[in-house]
Amino acid sequence: MKNVLVTICGRAGSKGFRNKNLKTFYDKPMVYYSISAAQLFAAARPDLAVDICLNTDSPELAALVADKYPEVVFLPRGEELAGDRVPKEAVYEDCMKRMETKNAKQYDCLIDLDITSPLRQDFDLIRAMEMYEAEPLDLVMSAAPSRRNPYFNMAQLTADGYACRIIENNFTSRQQAPACYDINASLYIFSRSFVLGEGGQDLWKGRVKIYEMFDTGILDIDSEEDYLLLEVIARHLYDNIPGFTAVRNGIRG
């Protein structure tokens, strides 16, 4: 049986959106959506041994999770990993090493679920994991087709302030340009070797594939405006798309 570690990571506070990881989303604590998705995945894949951990330096977030999900292992985040410039890959490595020591076993892969991307469908983790298992990969990351193609309808400014193309090309229509994707932080599946640093912790080193998500549901919450907009979107998704409703209905209490 393969061992899978699911990580849910969140710092205390936030410069862009204060205490965003403690927010209530559509009447339920936002962090509960990630836990519900992880538990639905574990129930759908009884052939995997799935452990879930919370890595945070926020006592409030830890208490919020422990209140309804005491089985989620709390990993207090050390001060050296609590800064806003600490790469999240360092937190993944910390999680895996501590959980392997705690449980006296080796994990085959790590799935990270971002707290501030609560809109996942019940099958997203299942299908992303199937993609990961289909061939030797270092990483599967979630994304959606880009609404703005950098080859055709995105621009940048030169040093003297004039607009120019981001990528020089001879395309005359958007359809001619290569398919591009907006990467979100909703879910990542990493191989153990990547997490432990053998890939240099560069997301683009090694074999990487994209798991395509429903694009309207992946807005990452980084501001009050994002939060308010995503709640409006959520009302429509919960009323009309069962895959999103299943995750919300799976939340305890």
C-alpha atoms as a PDB file:
ATOM      1  CA  MET A   1       0.000   0.000   0.000  1.00  0.00           C
ATOM      2  CA  LYS A   2       1.339   3.430  -0.955  1.00  0.00           C
ATOM      3  CA  ASN A   3       1.633   6.117   1.699  1.00  0.00           C
ATOM      4  CA  VAL A   4       0.353   9.595   0.817  1.00  0.00           C
ATOM      5  CA  LEU A   5       0.863  12.736   2.879  1.00  0.00           C
ATOM      6  CA  VAL A   6      -1.629  15.587   2.489  1.00  0.00           C
ATOM      7  CA  THR A   7      -0.375  18.944   3.733  1.00  0.00           C
ATOM      8  CA  ILE A   8      -2.439  22.001   4.583  1.00  0.00           C
ATOM      9  CA  CYS A   9      -0.164  24.943   5.293  1.00  0.00           C
ATOM     10  CA  GLY A  10      -0.952  28.436   6.514  1.00  0.00           C
ATOM     11  CA  ARG A  11       0.975  31.278   8.108  1.00  0.00           C
ATOM     12  CA  ALA A  12      -0.386  33.462  10.871  1.00  0.00           C
ATOM     13  CA  GLY A  13      -1.543  36.842   9.632  1.00  0.00           C
ATOM     14  CA  SER A  14      -1.191  38.109   6.066  1.00  0.00           C
ATOM     15  CA  LYS A  15       0.105  41.349   4.612  1.00  0.00           C
ATOM     16  CA  GLY A  16      -2.298  41.354   1.656  1.00  0.00           C
ATOM     17  CA  PHE A  17      -5.451  40.103   3.394  1.00  0.00           C
ATOM     18  CA  ARG A  18      -5.307  40.045   7.183  1.00  0.00           C
ATOM     19  CA  ASN A  19      -5.831  36.609   8.795  1.00  0.00           C
ATOM     20  CA  LYS A  20      -7.092  35.181   5.512  1.00  0.00           C
ATOM     21  CA  ASN A  21      -6.496  31.584   6.614  1.00  0.00           C
ATOM     22  CA  LEU A  22      -8.972  32.052   9.487  1.00  0.00           C
ATOM     23  CA  LYS A  23     -11.775  33.393   7.298  1.00  0.00           C
ATOM     24  CA  THR A  24     -15.216  31.869   7.061  1.00  0.00           C
ATOM     25  CA  PHE A  25     -16.177  31.051   3.481  1.00  0.00           C
ATOM     26  CA  TYR A  26     -19.838  30.592   2.633  1.00  0.00           C
ATOM     27  CA  ASP A  27     -20.676  30.104   6.342  1.00  0.00           C
ATOM     28  CA  LYS A  28     -17.936  27.564   7.078  1.00  0.00           C
ATOM     29  CA  PRO A  29     -14.268  27.999   8.057  1.00  0.00           C
ATOM     30  CA  MET A  30     -12.287  28.160   4.839  1.00  0.00           C
ATOM     31  CA  VAL A  31      -9.691  25.610   5.975  1.00  0.00           C
ATOM     32  CA  TYR A  32     -12.430  22.976   6.359  1.00  0.00           C
ATOM     33  CA  TYR A  33     -12.933  22.852   2.579  1.00  0.00           C
ATOM     34  CA  SER A  34      -9.403  21.554   2.047  1.00  0.00           C
ATOM     35  CA  ILE A  35      -9.803  18.963   4.807  1.00  0.00           C
ATOM     36  CA  SER A  36     -13.125  17.807   3.360  1.00  0.00           C
ATOM     37  CA  ALA A  37     -11.567  17.413  -0.095  1.00  0.00           C
ATOM     38  CA  ALA A  38      -8.681  15.411   1.383  1.00  0.00           C
ATOM     39  CA  GLN A  39     -11.026  13.103   3.266  1.00  0.00           C
ATOM     40  CA  LEU A  40     -13.233  12.530   0.234  1.00  0.00           C
ATOM     41  CA  PHE A  41     -10.085  11.582  -1.682  1.00  0.00           C
ATOM     42  CA  ALA A  42      -8.980   9.182   1.056  1.00  0.00           C
ATOM     43  CA  ALA A  43     -12.419   7.534   1.117  1.00  0.00           C
ATOM     44  CA  ALA A  44     -12.363   7.110  -2.673  1.00  0.00           C
ATOM     45  CA  ARG A  45      -8.890   5.539  -2.608  1.00  0.00           C
ATOM     46  CA  PRO A  46      -8.893   2.904   0.167  1.00  0.00           C
ATOM     47  CA  ASP A  47      -5.855   1.356  -1.491  1.00  0.00           C
ATOM     48  CA  LEU A  48      -3.799   4.332  -0.279  1.00  0.00           C
ATOM     49  CA  ALA A  49      -2.769   5.107   3.298  1.00  0.00           C
ATOM     50  CA  VAL A  50      -3.531   8.829   3.549  1.00  0.00           C
ATOM     51  CA  ASP A  51      -2.369  11.027   6.421  1.00  0.00           C
ATOM     52  CA  ILE A  52      -3.330  14.704   6.740  1.00  0.00           C
ATOM     53  CA  CYS A  53      -1.281  17.320   8.568  1.00  0.00           C
ATOM     54  CA  LEU A  54      -1.618  21.030   9.296  1.00  0.00           C
ATOM     55  CA  ASN A  55       1.566  23.094   9.332  1.00  0.00           C
ATOM     56  CA  THR A  56       1.057  26.536  10.850  1.00  0.00           C
ATOM     57  CA  ASP A  57       2.390  29.074  13.318  1.00  0.00           C
ATOM     58  CA  SER A  58      -1.165  30.237  14.049  1.00  0.00           C
ATOM     59  CA  PRO A  59      -2.607  28.914  17.356  1.00  0.00           C
ATOM     60  CA  GLU A  60      -6.038  30.077  16.207  1.00  0.00           C
ATOM     61  CA  LEU A  61      -5.865  28.064  12.992  1.00  0.00           C
ATOM     62  CA  ALA A  62      -4.606  25.016  14.867  1.00  0.00           C
ATOM     63  CA  ALA A  63      -7.497  25.287  17.354  1.00  0.00           C
ATOM     64  CA  LEU A  64     -10.024  25.744  14.552  1.00  0.00           C
ATOM     65  CA  VAL A  65      -8.907  22.515  12.878  1.00  0.00           C
ATOM     66  CA  ALA A  66      -8.601  20.541  16.125  1.00  0.00           C
ATOM     67  CA  ASP A  67     -12.170  21.488  17.060  1.00  0.00           C
ATOM     68  CA  LYS A  68     -13.743  19.475  14.224  1.00  0.00           C
ATOM     69  CA  TYR A  69     -10.850  17.396  12.883  1.00  0.00           C
ATOM     70  CA  PRO A  70      -8.710  16.144  15.776  1.00  0.00           C
ATOM     71  CA  GLU A  71      -7.275  13.409  13.558  1.00  0.00           C
ATOM     72  CA  VAL A  72      -5.422  16.022  11.461  1.00  0.00           C
ATOM     73  CA  VAL A  73      -1.872  16.100  12.802  1.00  0.00           C
ATOM     74  CA  PHE A  74      -0.784  19.548  13.960  1.00  0.00           C
ATOM     75  CA  LEU A  75       2.811  20.459  13.098  1.00  0.00           C
ATOM     76  CA  PRO A  76       3.734  23.743  14.815  1.00  0.00           C
ATOM     77  CA  ARG A  77       5.710  25.830  12.356  1.00  0.00           C
ATOM     78  CA  GLY A  78       9.067  27.042  13.610  1.00  0.00           C
ATOM     79  CA  GLU A  79      10.041  30.690  13.428  1.00  0.00           C
ATOM     80  CA  GLU A  80      12.609  29.958  10.719  1.00  0.00           C
ATOM     81  CA  LEU A  81       9.773  28.907   8.367  1.00  0.00           C
ATOM     82  CA  ALA A  82       7.242  31.574   9.374  1.00  0.00           C
ATOM     83  CA  GLY A  83       8.513  34.504   7.309  1.00  0.00           C
ATOM     84  CA  ASP A  84       6.644  35.691   4.231  1.00  0.00           C
ATOM     85  CA  ARG A  85       9.726  35.119   2.048  1.00  0.00           C
ATOM     86  CA  VAL A  86      10.220  31.481   3.031  1.00  0.00           C
ATOM     87  CA  PRO A  87       9.564  29.260  -0.020  1.00  0.00           C
ATOM     88  CA  LYS A  88       6.692  26.880   0.501  1.00  0.00           C
ATOM     89  CA  GLU A  89       8.895  24.040  -0.734  1.00  0.00           C
ATOM     90  CA  ALA A  90      10.861  24.352   2.514  1.00  0.00           C
ATOM     91  CA  VAL A  91       7.632  23.864   4.452  1.00  0.00           C
ATOM     92  CA  TYR A  92       6.791  20.749   2.423  1.00  0.00           C
ATOM     93  CA  GLU A  93      10.182  19.278   3.267  1.00  0.00           C
ATOM     94  CA  ASP A  94       9.669  20.074   6.952  1.00  0.00           C
ATOM     95  CA  CYS A  95       6.254  18.384   6.899  1.00  0.00           C
ATOM     96  CA  MET A  96       7.479  15.223   5.217  1.00  0.00           C
ATOM     97  CA  LYS A  97      10.517  14.758   7.429  1.00  0.00           C
ATOM     98  CA  ARG A  98       8.552  15.285  10.646  1.00  0.00           C
ATOM     99  CA  MET A  99       5.639  13.082   9.600  1.00  0.00           C
ATOM    100  CA  GLU A 100       7.954  10.285   8.468  1.00  0.00           C
ATOM    101  CA  THR A 101       9.699  10.424  11.839  1.00  0.00           C
ATOM    102  CA  LYS A 102       6.421  10.579  13.762  1.00  0.00           C
ATOM    103  CA  ASN A 103       4.784   7.694  11.888  1.00  0.00           C
ATOM    104  CA  ALA A 104       7.949   5.642  11.266  1.00  0.00           C
ATOM    105  CA  LYS A 105       7.219   5.239   7.574  1.00  0.00           C
ATOM    106  CA  GLN A 106       8.190   6.670   4.220  1.00  0.00           C
ATOM    107  CA  TYR A 107       5.698   8.558   2.070  1.00  0.00           C
ATOM    108  CA  ASP A 108       5.522   7.935  -1.660  1.00  0.00           C
ATOM    109  CA  CYS A 109       4.204  11.406  -2.485  1.00  0.00           C
ATOM    110  CA  LEU A 110       2.899  14.634  -0.990  1.00  0.00           C
ATOM    111  CA  ILE A 111      -0.339  16.417  -1.921  1.00  0.00           C
ATOM    112  CA  ASP A 112      -0.589  20.064  -0.920  1.00  0.00           C
ATOM    113  CA  LEU A 113      -3.977  21.779  -0.715  1.00  0.00           C
ATOM    114  CA  ASP A 114      -4.050  25.546  -0.443  1.00  0.00           C
ATOM    115  CA  ILE A 115      -6.397  26.962   2.194  1.00  0.00           C
ATOM    116  CA  THR A 116      -7.264  30.038   0.130  1.00  0.00           C
ATOM    117  CA  SER A 117      -8.417  28.015  -2.891  1.00  0.00           C
ATOM    118  CA  PRO A 118     -11.521  26.428  -1.357  1.00  0.00           C
ATOM    119  CA  LEU A 119     -13.408  25.654  -4.577  1.00  0.00           C
ATOM    120  CA  ARG A 120     -12.448  22.151  -5.626  1.00  0.00           C
ATOM    121  CA  GLN A 121     -14.685  19.418  -6.975  1.00  0.00           C
ATOM    122  CA  ASP A 122     -14.863  16.071  -5.230  1.00  0.00           C
ATOM    123  CA  PHE A 123     -13.055  14.329  -8.087  1.00  0.00           C
ATOM    124  CA  ASP A 124     -10.197  16.806  -8.557  1.00  0.00           C
ATOM    125  CA  LEU A 125      -7.755  15.043  -6.233  1.00  0.00           C
ATOM    126  CA  ILE A 126      -8.795  11.639  -7.538  1.00  0.00           C
ATOM    127  CA  ARG A 127      -8.137  12.523 -11.176  1.00  0.00           C
ATOM    128  CA  ALA A 128      -4.960  14.449 -10.434  1.00  0.00           C
ATOM    129  CA  MET A 129      -3.645  11.427  -8.540  1.00  0.00           C
ATOM    130  CA  GLU A 130      -4.516   9.152 -11.470  1.00  0.00           C
ATOM    131  CA  MET A 131      -2.470  11.438 -13.717  1.00  0.00           C
ATOM    132  CA  TYR A 132       0.434  11.299 -11.276  1.00  0.00           C
ATOM    133  CA  GLU A 133       0.308   7.498 -11.127  1.00  0.00           C
ATOM    134  CA  ALA A 134       0.017   6.986 -14.897  1.00  0.00           C
ATOM    135  CA  GLU A 135       3.715   7.616 -15.549  1.00  0.00           C
ATOM    136  CA  PRO A 136       6.865   8.586 -13.635  1.00  0.00           C
ATOM    137  CA  LEU A 137       6.375  12.252 -12.685  1.00  0.00           C
ATOM    138  CA  ASP A 138       7.939  14.692 -10.272  1.00  0.00           C
ATOM    139  CA  LEU A 139       4.953  17.003 -10.064  1.00  0.00           C
ATOM    140  CA  VAL A 140       1.316  17.417 -11.067  1.00  0.00           C
ATOM    141  CA  MET A 141       0.031  20.970 -10.587  1.00  0.00           C
ATOM    142  CA  SER A 142      -3.455  22.374 -11.004  1.00  0.00           C
ATOM    143  CA  ALA A 143      -4.174  25.055 -13.597  1.00  0.00           C
ATOM    144  CA  ALA A 144      -6.838  26.324 -15.981  1.00  0.00           C
ATOM    145  CA  PRO A 145      -6.667  27.540 -19.581  1.00  0.00           C
ATOM    146  CA  SER A 146      -5.280  31.060 -19.582  1.00  0.00           C
ATOM    147  CA  ARG A 147      -7.780  33.820 -20.293  1.00  0.00           C
ATOM    148  CA  ARG A 148      -4.937  35.987 -21.652  1.00  0.00           C
ATOM    149  CA  ASN A 149      -2.409  34.378 -23.966  1.00  0.00           C
ATOM    150  CA  PRO A 150       1.093  35.884 -23.531  1.00  0.00           C
ATOM    151  CA  TYR A 151       1.883  35.149 -27.176  1.00  0.00           C
ATOM    152  CA  PHE A 152      -1.003  37.209 -28.485  1.00  0.00           C
ATOM    153  CA  ASN A 153      -2.893  39.522 -26.131  1.00  0.00           C
ATOM    154  CA  MET A 154      -0.589  40.386 -23.240  1.00  0.00           C
ATOM    155  CA  ALA A 155       1.896  43.269 -23.241  1.00  0.00           C
ATOM    156  CA  GLN A 156       4.766  44.683 -21.222  1.00  0.00           C
ATOM    157  CA  LEU A 157       6.426  48.096 -21.085  1.00  0.00           C
ATOM    158  CA  THR A 158       9.893  48.840 -22.354  1.00  0.00           C
ATOM    159  CA  ALA A 159      12.384  50.860 -20.290  1.00  0.00           C
ATOM    160  CA  ASP A 160      11.211  54.036 -22.040  1.00  0.00           C
ATOM    161  CA  GLY A 161       7.544  53.308 -21.311  1.00  0.00           C
ATOM    162  CA  TYR A 162       6.297  51.986 -24.652  1.00  0.00           C
ATOM    163  CA  ALA A 163       4.173  48.848 -24.967  1.00  0.00           C
ATOM    164  CA  CYS A 164       5.598  45.745 -26.613  1.00  0.00           C
ATOM    165  CA  ARG A 165       4.858  42.048 -26.840  1.00  0.00           C
ATOM    166  CA  ILE A 166       5.875  39.815 -23.989  1.00  0.00           C
ATOM    167  CA  ILE A 167       6.968  37.115 -26.446  1.00  0.00           C
ATOM    168  CA  GLU A 168       8.012  38.013 -29.991  1.00  0.00           C
ATOM    169  CA  ASN A 169       6.105  35.945 -32.562  1.00  0.00           C
ATOM    170  CA  ASN A 170       4.454  36.030 -35.990  1.00  0.00           C
ATOM    171  CA  PHE A 171       1.014  34.805 -34.985  1.00  0.00           C
ATOM    172  CA  THR A 172      -1.937  36.633 -36.541  1.00  0.00           C
ATOM    173  CA  SER A 173      -4.668  35.114 -34.365  1.00  0.00           C
ATOM    174  CA  ARG A 174      -4.993  33.790 -30.828  1.00  0.00           C
ATOM    175  CA  GLN A 175      -5.891  30.345 -32.163  1.00  0.00           C
ATOM    176  CA  GLN A 176      -2.420  30.010 -33.699  1.00  0.00           C
ATOM    177  CA  ALA A 177      -0.636  30.545 -30.383  1.00  0.00           C
ATOM    178  CA  PRO A 178       0.357  27.616 -28.141  1.00  0.00           C
ATOM    179  CA  ALA A 179      -2.080  26.692 -25.380  1.00  0.00           C
ATOM    180  CA  CYS A 180      -1.207  28.499 -22.144  1.00  0.00           C
ATOM    181  CA  TYR A 181      -2.414  27.948 -18.597  1.00  0.00           C
ATOM    182  CA  ASP A 182      -3.010  30.002 -15.474  1.00  0.00           C
ATOM    183  CA  ILE A 183      -1.378  28.094 -12.632  1.00  0.00           C
ATOM    184  CA  ASN A 184      -3.190  28.212  -9.324  1.00  0.00           C
ATOM    185  CA  ALA A 185      -2.198  26.984  -5.894  1.00  0.00           C
ATOM    186  CA  SER A 186      -5.212  24.735  -5.432  1.00  0.00           C
ATOM    187  CA  LEU A 187      -3.384  21.418  -5.491  1.00  0.00           C
ATOM    188  CA  TYR A 188       0.076  20.017  -6.085  1.00  0.00           C
ATOM    189  CA  ILE A 189       1.216  16.403  -6.077  1.00  0.00           C
ATOM    190  CA  PHE A 190       4.954  16.044  -5.523  1.00  0.00           C
ATOM    191  CA  SER A 191       7.173  13.003  -5.658  1.00  0.00           C
ATOM    192  CA  ARG A 192       9.099  12.281  -2.485  1.00  0.00           C
ATOM    193  CA  SER A 193      12.393  12.957  -4.246  1.00  0.00           C
ATOM    194  CA  PHE A 194      11.283  16.458  -5.179  1.00  0.00           C
ATOM    195  CA  VAL A 195      10.081  17.271  -1.669  1.00  0.00           C
ATOM    196  CA  LEU A 196      13.375  16.178  -0.167  1.00  0.00           C
ATOM    197  CA  GLY A 197      15.285  18.481  -2.468  1.00  0.00           C
ATOM    198  CA  GLU A 198      16.719  16.203  -5.138  1.00  0.00           C
ATOM    199  CA  GLY A 199      15.164  18.421  -7.810  1.00  0.00           C
ATOM    200  CA  GLY A 200      16.645  21.559  -6.295  1.00  0.00           C
ATOM    201  CA  GLN A 201      13.130  22.642  -5.277  1.00  0.00           C
ATOM    202  CA  ASP A 202      12.573  24.270  -8.650  1.00  0.00           C
ATOM    203  CA  LEU A 203       9.010  23.563  -9.825  1.00  0.00           C
ATOM    204  CA  TRP A 204      10.136  23.416 -13.450  1.00  0.00           C
ATOM    205  CA  LYS A 205      12.903  20.862 -13.031  1.00  0.00           C
ATOM    206  CA  GLY A 206      11.958  17.282 -13.749  1.00  0.00           C
ATOM    207  CA  ARG A 207       8.785  15.869 -15.288  1.00  0.00           C
ATOM    208  CA  VAL A 208       5.780  18.123 -14.688  1.00  0.00           C
ATOM    209  CA  LYS A 209       2.197  17.805 -15.901  1.00  0.00           C
ATOM    210  CA  ILE A 210      -0.837  20.060 -15.539  1.00  0.00           C
ATOM    211  CA  TYR A 211      -4.141  18.911 -14.127  1.00  0.00           C
ATOM    212  CA  GLU A 212      -6.802  21.112 -15.694  1.00  0.00           C
ATOM    213  CA  MET A 213      -9.421  22.421 -13.266  1.00  0.00           C
ATOM    214  CA  PHE A 214     -12.751  24.144 -13.815  1.00  0.00           C
ATOM    215  CA  ASP A 215     -11.480  27.642 -14.432  1.00  0.00           C
ATOM    216  CA  THR A 216     -14.118  29.782 -12.668  1.00  0.00           C
ATOM    217  CA  GLY A 217     -13.602  27.995  -9.387  1.00  0.00           C
ATOM    218  CA  ILE A 218      -9.869  28.525  -8.922  1.00  0.00           C
ATOM    219  CA  LEU A 219      -9.551  32.187  -7.993  1.00  0.00           C
ATOM    220  CA  ASP A 220      -6.942  32.380  -5.222  1.00  0.00           C
ATOM    221  CA  ILE A 221      -7.979  34.612  -2.314  1.00  0.00           C
ATOM    222  CA  ASP A 222      -5.343  37.308  -1.804  1.00  0.00           C
ATOM    223  CA  SER A 223      -7.549  40.322  -1.091  1.00  0.00           C
ATOM    224  CA  GLU A 224     -10.931  41.334   0.298  1.00  0.00           C
ATOM    225  CA  GLU A 225     -12.152  41.768  -3.282  1.00  0.00           C
ATOM    226  CA  ASP A 226     -11.091  38.213  -4.203  1.00  0.00           C
ATOM    227  CA  TYR A 227     -12.891  36.897  -1.127  1.00  0.00           C
ATOM    228  CA  LEU A 228     -16.172  38.684  -1.887  1.00  0.00           C
ATOM    229  CA  LEU A 229     -16.093  37.726  -5.574  1.00  0.00           C
ATOM    230  CA  LEU A 230     -15.371  34.073  -4.865  1.00  0.00           C
ATOM    231  CA  GLU A 231     -18.302  33.836  -2.451  1.00  0.00           C
ATOM    232  CA  VAL A 232     -20.592  35.101  -5.228  1.00  0.00           C
ATOM    233  CA  ILE A 233     -19.160  32.511  -7.627  1.00  0.00           C
ATOM    234  CA  ALA A 234     -19.508  29.820  -4.958  1.00  0.00           C
ATOM    235  CA  ARG A 235     -23.241  30.367  -4.630  1.00  0.00           C
ATOM    236  CA  HIS A 236     -23.692  29.521  -8.295  1.00  0.00           C
ATOM    237  CA  LEU A 237     -21.345  26.515  -8.170  1.00  0.00           C
ATOM    238  CA  TYR A 238     -22.932  25.007  -5.063  1.00  0.00           C
ATOM    239  CA  ASP A 239     -26.400  25.410  -6.551  1.00  0.00           C
ATOM    240  CA  ASN A 240     -25.567  23.972  -9.957  1.00  0.00           C
ATOM    241  CA  ILE A 241     -22.491  21.698  -9.935  1.00  0.00           C
ATOM    242  CA  PRO A 242     -22.607  18.602  -7.687  1.00  0.00           C
ATOM    243  CA  GLY A 243     -18.825  18.185  -7.661  1.00  0.00           C
ATOM    244  CA  PHE A 244     -18.417  21.412  -5.687  1.00  0.00           C
ATOM    245  CA  THR A 245     -21.432  20.742  -3.469  1.00  0.00           C
ATOM    246  CA  ALA A 246     -20.003  17.375  -2.405  1.00  0.00           C
ATOM    247  CA  VAL A 247     -16.939  19.009  -0.861  1.00  0.00           C
ATOM    248  CA  ARG A 248     -19.040  21.552   1.027  1.00  0.00           C
ATOM    249  CA  ASN A 249     -21.465  18.863   2.223  1.00  0.00           C
ATOM    250  CA  GLY A 250     -18.534  16.783   3.431  1.00  0.00           C
ATOM    251  CA  ILE A 251     -17.570  19.397   6.042  1.00  0.00           C
ATOM    252  CA  ARG A 252     -18.360  18.283   9.594  1.00  0.00           C
ATOM    253  CA  GLY A 253     -20.903  20.094  11.674  1.00  0.00           C
END
